[in-house]
Amino acid sequence: MTDKELKRLNRGELLEMLIIQMEENEELKKKLVEAETALANRRIEISESGTLAEAALRLNGVFEAADQAAAQYLENIRSRAEEGTSVHEQFGS
């Protein structure tokens, strides 16, 4: 709307336009707050998923180390069995 058209409007019409603009402004503010909240929640989800992924990787490393230790233990038992030494004799139990 041009300035000339605005000047031709009466007070009631101008007030009505102002009210409509205020309502639209309030609606946009609400949508902005919702969008900011959704974004913050998404950032938290992404951050937590990164943390969970890191934890899973760390646990995976622990499991790999435990698997290697178990394999080494079994190999040691097999080696001792081939030598004729029991596990009890080896550890003095």
N, C-alpha and C. Protein backbone atom coordinates (compact mmCIF):
# COMPACT_ATOMS: atom_id res chain seq x y z
N MET A 1 0.85 -1.17 0.00
CA MET A 1 0.00 0.00 0.00
C MET A 1 0.91 1.24 0.00
N THR A 2 0.56 2.19 -0.79
CA THR A 2 1.37 3.40 -0.91
C THR A 2 1.02 4.40 0.19
N ASP A 3 1.87 5.39 0.35
CA ASP A 3 1.61 6.43 1.35
C ASP A 3 0.31 7.17 1.05
N LYS A 4 0.06 7.41 -0.23
CA LYS A 4 -1.15 8.13 -0.64
C LYS A 4 -2.39 7.34 -0.23
N GLU A 5 -2.35 6.02 -0.43
CA GLU A 5 -3.49 5.18 -0.06
C GLU A 5 -3.66 5.14 1.45
N LEU A 6 -2.56 5.12 2.18
CA LEU A 6 -2.64 5.11 3.64
C LEU A 6 -3.27 6.41 4.15
N LYS A 7 -2.94 7.54 3.54
CA LYS A 7 -3.48 8.84 3.98
C LYS A 7 -4.98 8.93 3.75
N ARG A 8 -5.50 8.16 2.81
CA ARG A 8 -6.93 8.20 2.50
C ARG A 8 -7.76 7.35 3.47
N LEU A 9 -7.09 6.49 4.25
CA LEU A 9 -7.81 5.62 5.18
C LEU A 9 -8.26 6.41 6.39
N ASN A 10 -9.43 6.05 6.92
CA ASN A 10 -9.89 6.72 8.14
C ASN A 10 -9.27 6.08 9.36
N ARG A 11 -9.50 6.66 10.49
CA ARG A 11 -8.89 6.20 11.74
C ARG A 11 -9.25 4.76 12.05
N GLY A 12 -10.47 4.36 11.86
CA GLY A 12 -10.92 2.99 12.13
C GLY A 12 -10.19 1.98 11.26
N GLU A 13 -10.04 2.31 9.98
CA GLU A 13 -9.35 1.42 9.07
C GLU A 13 -7.86 1.28 9.44
N LEU A 14 -7.27 2.41 9.84
CA LEU A 14 -5.86 2.37 10.27
C LEU A 14 -5.69 1.53 11.53
N LEU A 15 -6.61 1.69 12.48
CA LEU A 15 -6.56 0.90 13.71
C LEU A 15 -6.75 -0.59 13.40
N GLU A 16 -7.65 -0.89 12.49
CA GLU A 16 -7.86 -2.29 12.10
C GLU A 16 -6.60 -2.87 11.49
N MET A 17 -5.93 -2.12 10.64
CA MET A 17 -4.67 -2.57 10.04
C MET A 17 -3.61 -2.78 11.11
N LEU A 18 -3.57 -1.86 12.08
CA LEU A 18 -2.59 -1.97 13.16
C LEU A 18 -2.83 -3.22 14.00
N ILE A 19 -4.09 -3.50 14.29
CA ILE A 19 -4.44 -4.70 15.08
C ILE A 19 -4.03 -5.95 14.32
N ILE A 20 -4.32 -5.99 13.02
CA ILE A 20 -3.95 -7.15 12.21
C ILE A 20 -2.44 -7.34 12.21
N GLN A 21 -1.71 -6.25 12.07
CA GLN A 21 -0.25 -6.31 12.08
C GLN A 21 0.27 -6.79 13.43
N MET A 22 -0.35 -6.32 14.52
CA MET A 22 0.07 -6.75 15.86
C MET A 22 -0.19 -8.24 16.06
N GLU A 23 -1.35 -8.72 15.58
CA GLU A 23 -1.67 -10.15 15.70
C GLU A 23 -0.68 -10.99 14.90
N GLU A 24 -0.37 -10.53 13.69
CA GLU A 24 0.62 -11.26 12.88
C GLU A 24 1.97 -11.26 13.56
N ASN A 25 2.33 -10.12 14.16
CA ASN A 25 3.61 -10.01 14.87
C ASN A 25 3.67 -10.98 16.05
N GLU A 26 2.60 -11.08 16.81
CA GLU A 26 2.54 -12.01 17.95
C GLU A 26 2.64 -13.45 17.47
N GLU A 27 1.94 -13.77 16.38
CA GLU A 27 1.98 -15.13 15.83
C GLU A 27 3.40 -15.47 15.37
N LEU A 28 4.05 -14.52 14.72
CA LEU A 28 5.43 -14.75 14.27
C LEU A 28 6.38 -14.91 15.45
N LYS A 29 6.16 -14.16 16.52
CA LYS A 29 6.99 -14.32 17.73
C LYS A 29 6.83 -15.72 18.31
N LYS A 30 5.58 -16.21 18.36
CA LYS A 30 5.33 -17.56 18.87
C LYS A 30 6.03 -18.61 18.01
N LYS A 31 5.92 -18.43 16.69
CA LYS A 31 6.57 -19.37 15.78
C LYS A 31 8.08 -19.33 15.93
N LEU A 32 8.62 -18.14 16.17
CA LEU A 32 10.06 -18.02 16.36
C LEU A 32 10.50 -18.75 17.63
N VAL A 33 9.75 -18.57 18.71
CA VAL A 33 10.08 -19.27 19.96
C VAL A 33 10.00 -20.78 19.76
N GLU A 34 8.96 -21.25 19.06
CA GLU A 34 8.83 -22.69 18.79
C GLU A 34 10.00 -23.19 17.95
N ALA A 35 10.38 -22.41 16.94
CA ALA A 35 11.50 -22.83 16.08
C ALA A 35 12.81 -22.84 16.85
N GLU A 36 13.02 -21.83 17.71
CA GLU A 36 14.24 -21.80 18.52
C GLU A 36 14.28 -22.97 19.49
N THR A 37 13.14 -23.30 20.08
CA THR A 37 13.06 -24.44 21.00
C THR A 37 13.34 -25.74 20.27
N ALA A 38 12.75 -25.89 19.10
CA ALA A 38 12.97 -27.10 18.30
C ALA A 38 14.44 -27.21 17.91
N LEU A 39 15.04 -26.09 17.55
CA LEU A 39 16.45 -26.09 17.19
C LEU A 39 17.32 -26.47 18.38
N ALA A 40 17.02 -25.90 19.54
CA ALA A 40 17.78 -26.23 20.74
C ALA A 40 17.65 -27.71 21.08
N ASN A 41 16.42 -28.24 20.97
CA ASN A 41 16.20 -29.67 21.23
C ASN A 41 16.97 -30.52 20.24
N ARG A 42 16.98 -30.11 19.00
CA ARG A 42 17.69 -30.87 17.97
C ARG A 42 19.19 -30.86 18.25
N ARG A 43 19.69 -29.70 18.67
CA ARG A 43 21.12 -29.61 19.01
C ARG A 43 21.46 -30.53 20.17
N ILE A 44 20.56 -30.59 21.16
CA ILE A 44 20.78 -31.49 22.30
C ILE A 44 20.78 -32.93 21.82
N GLU A 45 19.82 -33.28 20.96
CA GLU A 45 19.76 -34.65 20.44
C GLU A 45 21.04 -34.99 19.68
N ILE A 46 21.49 -34.07 18.86
CA ILE A 46 22.71 -34.32 18.10
C ILE A 46 23.90 -34.43 19.04
N SER A 47 23.96 -33.56 20.03
CA SER A 47 25.05 -33.60 21.00
C SER A 47 25.05 -34.92 21.76
N GLU A 48 23.86 -35.33 22.21
CA GLU A 48 23.77 -36.58 22.96
C GLU A 48 24.07 -37.77 22.08
N SER A 49 23.64 -37.73 20.84
CA SER A 49 23.93 -38.86 19.96
C SER A 49 25.43 -38.95 19.71
N GLY A 50 26.10 -37.80 19.62
CA GLY A 50 27.55 -37.81 19.50
C GLY A 50 28.19 -38.43 20.73
N THR A 51 27.67 -38.07 21.88
CA THR A 51 28.19 -38.61 23.13
C THR A 51 27.95 -40.11 23.20
N LEU A 52 26.76 -40.54 22.79
CA LEU A 52 26.44 -41.97 22.80
C LEU A 52 27.32 -42.73 21.82
N ALA A 53 27.56 -42.11 20.66
CA ALA A 53 28.42 -42.76 19.67
C ALA A 53 29.84 -42.90 20.21
N GLU A 54 30.31 -41.84 20.86
CA GLU A 54 31.65 -41.90 21.45
C GLU A 54 31.72 -42.97 22.54
N ALA A 55 30.68 -43.05 23.36
CA ALA A 55 30.65 -44.06 24.42
C ALA A 55 30.64 -45.46 23.80
N ALA A 56 29.88 -45.63 22.73
CA ALA A 56 29.84 -46.94 22.07
C ALA A 56 31.21 -47.30 21.52
N LEU A 57 31.89 -46.32 20.95
CA LEU A 57 33.24 -46.59 20.44
C LEU A 57 34.20 -46.97 21.56
N ARG A 58 34.08 -46.25 22.68
CA ARG A 58 34.94 -46.59 23.82
C ARG A 58 34.65 -48.00 24.33
N LEU A 59 33.35 -48.32 24.45
CA LEU A 59 32.97 -49.66 24.89
C LEU A 59 33.47 -50.70 23.90
N ASN A 60 33.39 -50.39 22.63
CA ASN A 60 33.87 -51.30 21.62
C ASN A 60 35.36 -51.58 21.84
N GLY A 61 36.12 -50.54 22.17
CA GLY A 61 37.54 -50.71 22.47
C GLY A 61 37.76 -51.59 23.68
N VAL A 62 36.91 -51.42 24.70
CA VAL A 62 37.02 -52.24 25.91
C VAL A 62 36.73 -53.70 25.56
N PHE A 63 35.68 -53.90 24.77
CA PHE A 63 35.33 -55.27 24.37
C PHE A 63 36.42 -55.91 23.52
N GLU A 64 37.03 -55.12 22.65
CA GLU A 64 38.13 -55.65 21.84
C GLU A 64 39.30 -56.05 22.73
N ALA A 65 39.62 -55.22 23.72
CA ALA A 65 40.71 -55.54 24.63
C ALA A 65 40.39 -56.79 25.44
N ALA A 66 39.14 -56.91 25.90
CA ALA A 66 38.73 -58.09 26.66
C ALA A 66 38.79 -59.33 25.78
N ASP A 67 38.38 -59.20 24.53
CA ASP A 67 38.43 -60.32 23.59
C ASP A 67 39.87 -60.76 23.36
N GLN A 68 40.76 -59.78 23.20
CA GLN A 68 42.17 -60.11 23.01
C GLN A 68 42.75 -60.78 24.25
N ALA A 69 42.38 -60.29 25.44
CA ALA A 69 42.86 -60.89 26.68
C ALA A 69 42.36 -62.33 26.81
N ALA A 70 41.07 -62.53 26.46
CA ALA A 70 40.51 -63.89 26.53
C ALA A 70 41.21 -64.81 25.53
N ALA A 71 41.46 -64.31 24.34
CA ALA A 71 42.15 -65.12 23.32
C ALA A 71 43.56 -65.46 23.79
N GLN A 72 44.23 -64.49 24.39
CA GLN A 72 45.59 -64.73 24.89
C GLN A 72 45.56 -65.75 26.02
N TYR A 73 44.55 -65.64 26.90
CA TYR A 73 44.42 -66.57 28.00
C TYR A 73 44.20 -67.99 27.47
N LEU A 74 43.29 -68.13 26.50
CA LEU A 74 43.03 -69.45 25.93
C LEU A 74 44.27 -70.01 25.23
N GLU A 75 44.99 -69.17 24.54
CA GLU A 75 46.22 -69.60 23.88
C GLU A 75 47.24 -70.07 24.91
N ASN A 76 47.31 -69.36 26.01
CA ASN A 76 48.23 -69.72 27.08
C ASN A 76 47.86 -71.08 27.67
N ILE A 77 46.54 -71.29 27.87
CA ILE A 77 46.08 -72.58 28.40
C ILE A 77 46.41 -73.71 27.43
N ARG A 78 46.14 -73.47 26.14
CA ARG A 78 46.47 -74.50 25.13
C ARG A 78 47.97 -74.80 25.12
N SER A 79 48.75 -73.75 25.19
CA SER A 79 50.20 -73.91 25.17
C SER A 79 50.66 -74.72 26.38
N ARG A 80 50.11 -74.42 27.55
CA ARG A 80 50.48 -75.15 28.77
C ARG A 80 50.00 -76.59 28.70
N ALA A 81 48.82 -76.79 28.09
CA ALA A 81 48.29 -78.15 27.97
C ALA A 81 49.19 -78.99 27.07
N GLU A 82 49.69 -78.35 26.02
CA GLU A 82 50.59 -79.06 25.12
C GLU A 82 51.91 -79.39 25.81
N GLU A 83 52.30 -78.53 26.75
CA GLU A 83 53.54 -78.76 27.49
C GLU A 83 53.33 -79.74 28.63
N GLY A 84 52.05 -80.03 28.93
CA GLY A 84 51.76 -80.97 30.00
C GLY A 84 51.63 -80.31 31.36
N THR A 85 51.55 -79.00 31.42
CA THR A 85 51.41 -78.27 32.69
C THR A 85 49.96 -77.86 32.85
N SER A 86 49.38 -78.16 34.00
CA SER A 86 47.99 -77.77 34.23
C SER A 86 47.94 -76.30 34.64
N VAL A 87 46.79 -75.74 34.55
CA VAL A 87 46.58 -74.35 34.94
C VAL A 87 46.86 -74.19 36.43
N HIS A 88 46.46 -75.18 37.23
CA HIS A 88 46.68 -75.11 38.67
C HIS A 88 48.18 -75.14 38.99
N GLU A 89 48.91 -75.94 38.30
CA GLU A 89 50.36 -75.98 38.51
C GLU A 89 51.03 -74.69 38.07
N GLN A 90 50.50 -74.11 37.02
CA GLN A 90 51.08 -72.90 36.49
C GLN A 90 50.92 -71.74 37.47
N PHE A 91 49.75 -71.63 38.09
CA PHE A 91 49.49 -70.50 38.98
C PHE A 91 49.66 -70.88 40.46
N GLY A 92 50.03 -72.07 40.72
CA GLY A 92 50.30 -72.49 42.09
C GLY A 92 49.07 -72.69 42.93
N SER A 93 47.94 -73.01 42.33
CA SER A 93 46.70 -73.21 43.07
C SER A 93 46.57 -74.63 43.50
